[in-house]
Amino acid sequence: MSGISRRTFVAMALTGSVLAGCANGIGSGGADIVDARVDSTLSFLYTNYPGTQDLAGRAAGILVMPVVTEIGLGVGGSYGTGALRVGSTSVDYYSATAASAGLQIGAQQYSHVLFFMTQDALAEFRASPGWAAGADIEYAVNAQGEVLRADTTTSLSPVIAVVFAQSGLRMGATIEGTKYTRIIP
């Protein structure tokens, strides 16, 4: 047989989707794994950037993406999973995806946390079927080595992003254009 029929292709695609769904369902332990990674990421963030504890204390909620993997060779993309915390409780789980095109080559991994500083920003995020990070997000940046700085303008923003723990061969991780979608881990 020289090729694959359309019927066989559709059957294989549906089988793969069903198997992926079974492995990712409620009771699979996926939420526990994500929560453990979120706890570890927050511990690293608060230890290495103590100023973020103040942001977390004032935030209505925080979305933690422990590991986002980004790869590019002409066209690129990124993917990661994480949890939305209100207080110290995970209330929802999300995937983060992005695509890009242009002059690019390399791969990197990084973590990021979105601090929702107002109830309105948090409610808008939770109500949307797929929220995309845009230019209205303010970034808290590494201004001097390992010191994280969030100035007065940044701290008044409805959503503050912290991108940290970058490793790999690409420079300049950004979350602009990233789409967040609620998932069941």
Protein backbone atom coordinates (compact mmCIF):
# COMPACT_ATOMS: atom_id res chain seq x y z
CA MET A 1 0.00 0.00 0.00
CA SER A 2 1.58 3.25 -1.12
CA GLY A 3 -0.40 5.72 0.96
CA ILE A 4 -2.73 6.11 3.85
CA SER A 5 -6.44 6.47 3.18
CA ARG A 6 -8.43 9.40 4.49
CA ARG A 7 -10.57 7.01 6.57
CA THR A 8 -7.47 5.46 8.21
CA PHE A 9 -6.02 8.91 8.91
CA VAL A 10 -9.25 10.10 10.58
CA ALA A 11 -9.47 6.89 12.64
CA MET A 12 -5.88 7.26 13.84
CA ALA A 13 -6.43 10.93 14.70
CA LEU A 14 -9.59 10.13 16.69
CA THR A 15 -7.85 7.25 18.50
CA GLY A 16 -4.96 9.53 19.43
CA SER A 17 -7.37 12.18 20.70
CA VAL A 18 -9.28 9.67 22.81
CA LEU A 19 -6.08 8.22 24.29
CA ALA A 20 -4.74 11.71 25.05
CA GLY A 21 -8.05 12.56 26.70
CA CYS A 22 -7.96 9.40 28.81
CA ALA A 23 -4.44 10.11 29.99
CA ASN A 24 -5.33 13.67 30.83
CA GLY A 25 -8.60 13.16 32.67
CA ILE A 26 -9.81 13.85 36.15
CA GLY A 27 -8.25 11.47 38.65
CA SER A 28 -5.12 10.91 36.54
CA GLY A 29 -2.91 12.75 39.02
CA GLY A 30 -2.17 15.48 36.47
CA ALA A 31 -3.45 18.22 38.77
CA ASP A 32 -1.19 17.01 41.59
CA ILE A 33 1.83 17.14 39.28
CA VAL A 34 0.98 20.65 38.07
CA ASP A 35 0.38 21.83 41.65
CA ALA A 36 3.75 20.42 42.80
CA ARG A 37 5.49 22.25 39.94
CA VAL A 38 3.61 25.46 40.77
CA ASP A 39 4.64 25.21 44.44
CA SER A 40 8.28 24.68 43.45
CA THR A 41 8.17 27.60 40.98
CA LEU A 42 6.67 29.96 43.54
CA SER A 43 9.25 28.92 46.12
CA PHE A 44 12.04 29.68 43.61
CA LEU A 45 10.45 33.01 42.65
CA TYR A 46 9.97 34.21 46.24
CA THR A 47 13.47 33.10 47.27
CA ASN A 48 15.27 34.69 44.33
CA TYR A 49 13.02 37.74 43.89
CA PRO A 50 11.66 38.62 47.35
CA GLY A 51 9.78 41.67 46.01
CA THR A 52 7.34 39.35 44.28
CA GLN A 53 5.92 38.26 47.65
CA ASP A 54 4.50 41.77 48.03
CA LEU A 55 2.94 41.55 44.55
CA ALA A 56 1.44 38.17 45.40
CA GLY A 57 0.04 39.53 48.66
CA ARG A 58 -1.75 42.35 46.82
CA ALA A 59 -2.88 40.28 43.80
CA ALA A 60 -6.45 39.05 43.37
CA GLY A 61 -5.00 35.91 41.77
CA ILE A 62 -1.83 34.63 40.14
CA LEU A 63 -1.32 32.39 37.14
CA VAL A 64 1.86 30.32 37.44
CA MET A 65 3.43 28.68 34.39
CA PRO A 66 6.30 26.58 35.80
CA VAL A 67 7.93 25.66 32.47
CA VAL A 68 7.22 27.10 29.05
CA THR A 69 9.23 25.61 26.19
CA GLU A 70 9.82 27.83 23.17
CA ILE A 71 11.38 26.61 19.91
CA GLY A 72 11.97 28.50 16.70
CA LEU A 73 13.51 27.90 13.31
CA GLY A 74 11.91 30.41 10.95
CA VAL A 75 8.56 29.58 12.50
CA GLY A 76 8.30 28.99 16.18
CA GLY A 77 6.01 28.18 19.01
CA SER A 78 5.80 27.73 22.73
CA TYR A 79 3.77 25.62 25.13
CA GLY A 80 3.39 25.17 28.87
CA THR A 81 0.83 24.29 31.53
CA GLY A 82 0.14 25.84 34.89
CA ALA A 83 -2.39 26.76 37.53
CA LEU A 84 -4.39 29.81 38.54
CA ARG A 85 -4.14 30.40 42.26
CA VAL A 86 -6.51 32.49 44.32
CA GLY A 87 -5.04 32.71 47.77
CA SER A 88 -3.07 29.50 48.10
CA THR A 89 -5.60 27.33 46.27
CA SER A 90 -5.45 26.25 42.62
CA VAL A 91 -8.86 27.11 41.18
CA ASP A 92 -8.23 26.34 37.49
CA TYR A 93 -5.56 24.91 35.22
CA TYR A 94 -4.38 26.48 31.97
CA SER A 95 -2.21 25.85 28.95
CA ALA A 96 -0.19 28.65 27.37
CA THR A 97 0.51 28.52 23.64
CA ALA A 98 2.05 30.95 21.20
CA ALA A 99 3.20 30.91 17.60
CA SER A 100 5.66 33.19 15.84
CA ALA A 101 7.26 33.65 12.45
CA GLY A 102 10.29 35.56 11.30
CA LEU A 103 14.03 35.51 11.65
CA GLN A 104 14.52 33.17 14.61
CA ILE A 105 16.49 30.11 15.57
CA GLY A 106 16.95 28.33 18.88
CA ALA A 107 15.13 26.99 21.88
CA GLN A 108 14.65 28.04 25.47
CA GLN A 109 12.64 27.30 28.55
CA TYR A 110 11.43 29.79 31.10
CA SER A 111 8.88 30.28 33.85
CA HIS A 112 6.40 33.09 34.13
CA VAL A 113 3.82 34.33 36.57
CA LEU A 114 0.93 36.69 35.86
CA PHE A 115 -0.20 38.74 38.84
CA PHE A 116 -3.83 39.86 38.44
CA MET A 117 -3.83 43.01 40.55
CA THR A 118 -7.57 43.75 40.34
CA GLN A 119 -10.69 41.63 40.72
CA ASP A 120 -11.87 42.92 37.32
CA ALA A 121 -8.70 41.72 35.57
CA LEU A 122 -9.02 38.31 37.25
CA ALA A 123 -12.74 38.03 36.40
CA GLU A 124 -12.09 38.98 32.75
CA PHE A 125 -9.35 36.34 32.52
CA ARG A 126 -11.51 33.60 34.05
CA ALA A 127 -14.58 34.46 31.95
CA SER A 128 -12.79 34.37 28.60
CA PRO A 129 -12.73 31.16 26.57
CA GLY A 130 -9.14 31.89 25.52
CA TRP A 131 -7.37 34.94 26.93
CA ALA A 132 -4.47 36.38 24.92
CA ALA A 133 -1.67 38.31 26.57
CA GLY A 134 -1.31 41.67 24.86
CA ALA A 135 0.53 44.93 25.00
CA ASP A 136 -1.46 45.98 28.09
CA ILE A 137 0.59 43.67 30.32
CA GLU A 138 3.35 45.36 32.31
CA TYR A 139 6.57 43.46 32.90
CA ALA A 140 8.54 43.49 36.13
CA VAL A 141 12.14 43.23 34.96
CA ASN A 142 15.59 42.32 36.22
CA ALA A 143 17.08 45.79 36.46
CA GLN A 144 20.29 44.98 38.33
CA GLY A 145 21.44 41.40 38.16
CA GLU A 146 19.09 39.36 40.29
CA VAL A 147 17.06 42.28 41.69
CA LEU A 148 13.51 42.33 40.36
CA ARG A 149 12.08 45.80 39.92
CA ALA A 150 8.44 46.81 39.63
CA ASP A 151 8.13 50.59 39.46
CA THR A 152 5.10 52.68 40.46
CA THR A 153 3.56 52.53 36.98
CA THR A 154 3.97 48.77 36.84
CA SER A 155 2.48 48.25 40.28
CA LEU A 156 -0.68 50.13 39.27
CA SER A 157 -1.26 47.91 36.22
CA PRO A 158 -4.15 45.40 36.25
CA VAL A 159 -1.83 42.54 35.13
CA ILE A 160 1.89 42.27 35.88
CA ALA A 161 4.06 39.60 34.25
CA VAL A 162 7.29 38.24 35.68
CA VAL A 163 9.40 36.13 33.30
CA PHE A 164 12.33 34.36 34.98
CA ALA A 165 14.56 31.25 35.09
CA GLN A 166 15.39 31.46 31.41
CA SER A 167 17.70 28.84 29.95
CA GLY A 168 18.54 27.90 26.41
CA LEU A 169 19.88 29.42 23.23
CA ARG A 170 17.20 32.05 22.52
CA MET A 171 17.19 35.49 24.05
CA GLY A 172 14.33 37.73 25.11
CA ALA A 173 11.43 35.62 26.34
CA THR A 174 8.15 37.48 26.15
CA ILE A 175 4.60 36.36 26.73
CA GLU A 176 2.96 38.90 24.42
CA GLY A 177 0.71 37.02 22.02
CA THR A 178 0.46 33.98 24.31
CA LYS A 179 -3.00 32.45 24.48
CA TYR A 180 -4.17 30.92 27.75
CA THR A 181 -6.84 28.22 27.63
CA ARG A 182 -8.48 26.44 30.58
CA ILE A 183 -7.67 22.72 30.67
CA ILE A 184 -8.35 19.66 32.80
CA PRO A 185 -4.94 18.25 33.75
